[in-house]
Amino acid sequence: MVLEILDSKFEDNTHMQYLSRQHIIPEIVHSTSGKVVMRHIKGRRLCKILSDKKTDETVLKKIFSELGTMVAEVDKCHMRHGDLHTGNVIVEHSTNKPYIIDWEFATYSEFSQVDAMDLLSNAEYDLNSCARQELYKELETIYKKSYMDSIRAGASEEVLKLREIAGKKF
C-alpha cells in the first residue's frame, strides 16, 4: 500500500532518492519530476510512542540514536526538512526503525542544525507531557552523540555530489 505522495520542490528528486536508499525516508515506489510516491510504513508516530509510558527505554534509545545519524545525513546533503518534529517521524512496528516523513516544506540549505534542534525540543515536550522528563536528558545525549559522530565521519562521494547540486539552488 502507498501512503505518502509528496509534491517535491526538488525537480529531479536525486536528494529524495538518496534519502530513500539510506532508509531515512520510506522506499520510493514511483518518482517523476516534482512528485514522489513512497511505500506505506506500518507503524506509529514518534510523538505517540514518546507519550506512551509503556514504551521500553531501550527501544527509545535505539530510535534516538538512529535519528541522530539520519538527521546528520540530511544536513550533510545540504537539505532541511523544514518541519521536523516527533509527529513527522514514523516508527515501523516490526523493526522499531524510524523514518522521517512529510517533506512538503523541505528545501536546499547550507549546513544547519535547525532540524536537529527542532526535533529535540519537540521530544522534550512529548516526554514532559507524560511525566517521563527524566528520560529526556539521556535521549538527548544519545541523539547528539550519534548526530556528531555522523557529521565527523564526513561525507561520501555521493553526498558531495548532492551538495554540489544543492549549492546551485541557494
Protein backbone atom coordinates (compact mmCIF):
# COMPACT_ATOMS: atom_id res chain seq x y z
CA MET A 1 0.00 0.00 0.00
CA VAL A 2 1.24 3.51 -0.82
CA LEU A 3 0.59 6.22 1.72
CA GLU A 4 2.69 9.26 1.03
CA ILE A 5 2.51 11.20 -2.20
CA LEU A 6 4.82 14.17 -1.98
CA ASP A 7 4.78 17.23 -4.19
CA SER A 8 8.51 17.71 -4.24
CA LYS A 9 10.34 21.01 -4.65
CA PHE A 10 13.27 19.00 -5.95
CA GLU A 11 12.73 18.77 -9.69
CA ASP A 12 14.98 15.77 -10.26
CA ASN A 13 14.34 14.04 -6.89
CA THR A 14 18.02 12.99 -6.65
CA HIS A 15 18.20 14.01 -2.99
CA MET A 16 14.98 12.18 -2.09
CA GLN A 17 16.18 9.02 -3.85
CA TYR A 18 19.43 9.17 -1.85
CA LEU A 19 17.48 9.53 1.41
CA SER A 20 15.36 6.54 0.42
CA ARG A 21 18.43 4.39 -0.31
CA GLN A 22 19.79 5.36 3.11
CA HIS A 23 16.47 4.31 4.74
CA ILE A 24 15.90 7.82 6.09
CA ILE A 25 12.59 8.11 4.26
CA PRO A 26 10.29 5.26 3.19
CA GLU A 27 11.14 3.44 -0.02
CA ILE A 28 10.26 5.43 -3.14
CA VAL A 29 7.97 3.34 -5.32
CA HIS A 30 7.49 5.94 -8.06
CA SER A 31 9.12 9.24 -8.84
CA THR A 32 8.52 11.87 -11.51
CA SER A 33 9.57 15.48 -11.78
CA GLY A 34 8.01 17.16 -8.77
CA LYS A 35 6.27 14.05 -7.35
CA VAL A 36 7.46 11.23 -5.12
CA VAL A 37 5.35 8.23 -4.06
CA MET A 38 6.61 6.29 -1.03
CA ARG A 39 5.61 2.96 0.42
CA HIS A 40 3.34 2.85 3.42
CA ILE A 41 5.07 2.21 6.75
CA LYS A 42 3.03 0.23 9.26
CA GLY A 43 3.91 1.93 12.49
CA ARG A 44 3.27 4.74 14.95
CA ARG A 45 4.35 8.33 15.00
CA LEU A 46 7.19 9.03 17.42
CA CYS A 47 5.08 11.54 19.38
CA LYS A 48 2.63 8.72 20.27
CA ILE A 49 5.47 6.39 21.24
CA LEU A 50 7.04 9.04 23.49
CA SER A 51 3.71 9.71 25.22
CA ASP A 52 3.19 6.01 25.91
CA LYS A 53 4.62 5.25 29.35
CA LYS A 54 4.78 1.56 28.41
CA THR A 55 7.41 2.14 25.69
CA ASP A 56 10.65 0.40 26.59
CA GLU A 57 13.52 2.84 27.23
CA THR A 58 15.91 0.60 25.28
CA VAL A 59 13.70 0.97 22.20
CA LEU A 60 13.64 4.76 22.63
CA LYS A 61 17.43 4.88 22.94
CA LYS A 62 17.82 2.90 19.69
CA ILE A 63 15.34 5.18 17.90
CA PHE A 64 17.09 8.36 19.05
CA SER A 65 20.50 7.02 18.12
CA GLU A 66 19.26 6.24 14.60
CA LEU A 67 17.51 9.61 14.33
CA GLY A 68 20.69 11.49 15.20
CA THR A 69 22.52 9.76 12.36
CA MET A 70 19.60 10.26 9.96
CA VAL A 71 19.26 13.99 10.61
CA ALA A 72 23.03 14.41 10.22
CA GLU A 73 22.82 12.73 6.80
CA VAL A 74 20.09 15.16 5.76
CA ASP A 75 22.23 18.08 6.94
CA LYS A 76 25.29 16.75 5.12
CA CYS A 77 23.27 16.75 1.88
CA HIS A 78 22.51 20.47 2.40
CA MET A 79 18.83 19.85 2.89
CA ARG A 80 16.34 20.96 5.50
CA HIS A 81 13.17 19.06 6.28
CA GLY A 82 11.51 22.31 7.27
CA ASP A 83 9.02 20.82 9.74
CA LEU A 84 10.88 18.15 11.66
CA HIS A 85 9.12 17.16 14.85
CA THR A 86 8.13 13.92 16.53
CA GLY A 87 4.85 13.81 14.59
CA ASN A 88 6.83 13.63 11.35
CA VAL A 89 8.77 10.53 12.36
CA ILE A 90 7.06 7.18 11.96
CA VAL A 91 8.49 4.10 13.67
CA GLU A 92 7.90 0.79 11.90
CA HIS A 93 6.11 -1.74 14.14
CA SER A 94 8.10 -4.82 13.20
CA THR A 95 11.61 -3.31 13.43
CA ASN A 96 11.35 -0.10 15.51
CA LYS A 97 13.10 1.60 12.57
CA PRO A 98 12.32 5.33 12.37
CA TYR A 99 11.56 7.06 9.06
CA ILE A 100 11.25 10.79 8.51
CA ILE A 101 8.04 11.66 6.64
CA ASP A 102 6.09 14.71 5.43
CA TRP A 103 8.73 16.51 3.35
CA GLU A 104 6.47 19.15 1.77
CA PHE A 105 8.42 22.01 3.41
CA ALA A 106 11.85 20.63 2.50
CA THR A 107 14.39 22.98 0.94
CA TYR A 108 18.02 23.09 -0.02
CA SER A 109 20.02 24.73 2.70
CA GLU A 110 23.55 25.40 3.72
CA PHE A 111 24.64 23.20 6.63
CA SER A 112 22.34 23.93 9.53
CA GLN A 113 21.39 22.19 12.73
CA VAL A 114 17.92 23.73 12.81
CA ASP A 115 16.08 20.47 12.09
CA ALA A 116 18.20 18.65 14.64
CA MET A 117 17.27 21.08 17.40
CA ASP A 118 13.58 21.28 16.41
CA LEU A 119 13.22 17.53 16.82
CA LEU A 120 14.85 17.58 20.26
CA SER A 121 12.69 20.38 21.65
CA ASN A 122 9.56 18.59 20.44
CA ALA A 123 10.71 15.31 22.02
CA GLU A 124 11.30 17.10 25.32
CA TYR A 125 7.73 18.44 25.24
CA ASP A 126 6.30 14.97 24.47
CA LEU A 127 8.22 13.34 27.32
CA ASN A 128 7.33 16.08 29.79
CA SER A 129 3.65 15.74 28.93
CA CYS A 130 3.65 12.12 30.07
CA ALA A 131 5.85 12.64 33.15
CA ARG A 132 8.96 11.00 31.68
CA GLN A 133 11.16 14.12 31.74
CA GLU A 134 13.98 12.22 33.49
CA LEU A 135 14.42 10.23 30.27
CA TYR A 136 14.85 13.29 28.05
CA LYS A 137 18.44 14.14 29.02
CA GLU A 138 19.60 10.60 28.29
CA LEU A 139 17.85 10.52 24.89
CA GLU A 140 19.20 13.99 24.08
CA THR A 141 22.76 12.83 24.84
CA ILE A 142 22.37 9.70 22.68
CA TYR A 143 20.87 11.70 19.80
CA LYS A 144 23.54 14.42 19.88
CA LYS A 145 26.35 11.86 20.03
CA SER A 146 25.10 9.92 17.01
CA TYR A 147 24.47 13.19 15.15
CA MET A 148 28.01 14.48 15.81
CA ASP A 149 29.62 11.09 15.11
CA SER A 150 27.93 11.07 11.70
CA ILE A 151 28.94 14.68 10.97
CA ARG A 152 32.56 13.93 11.94
CA ALA A 153 32.59 10.84 9.72
CA GLY A 154 32.42 13.18 6.76
CA ALA A 155 30.59 12.88 3.51
CA SER A 156 30.67 10.17 0.89
CA GLU A 157 31.32 10.95 -2.78
CA GLU A 158 27.58 10.68 -3.42
CA VAL A 159 26.81 13.23 -0.70
CA LEU A 160 29.45 15.60 -2.07
CA LYS A 161 27.68 15.47 -5.47
CA LEU A 162 24.35 16.18 -3.77
CA ARG A 163 25.91 19.18 -2.02
CA GLU A 164 27.06 20.47 -5.39
CA ILE A 165 23.50 20.22 -6.77
CA ALA A 166 22.10 21.91 -3.64
CA GLY A 167 24.73 24.65 -3.78
CA LYS A 168 23.39 25.76 -7.15
CA LYS A 169 19.93 26.22 -5.61
CA PHE A 170 20.74 28.82 -2.93
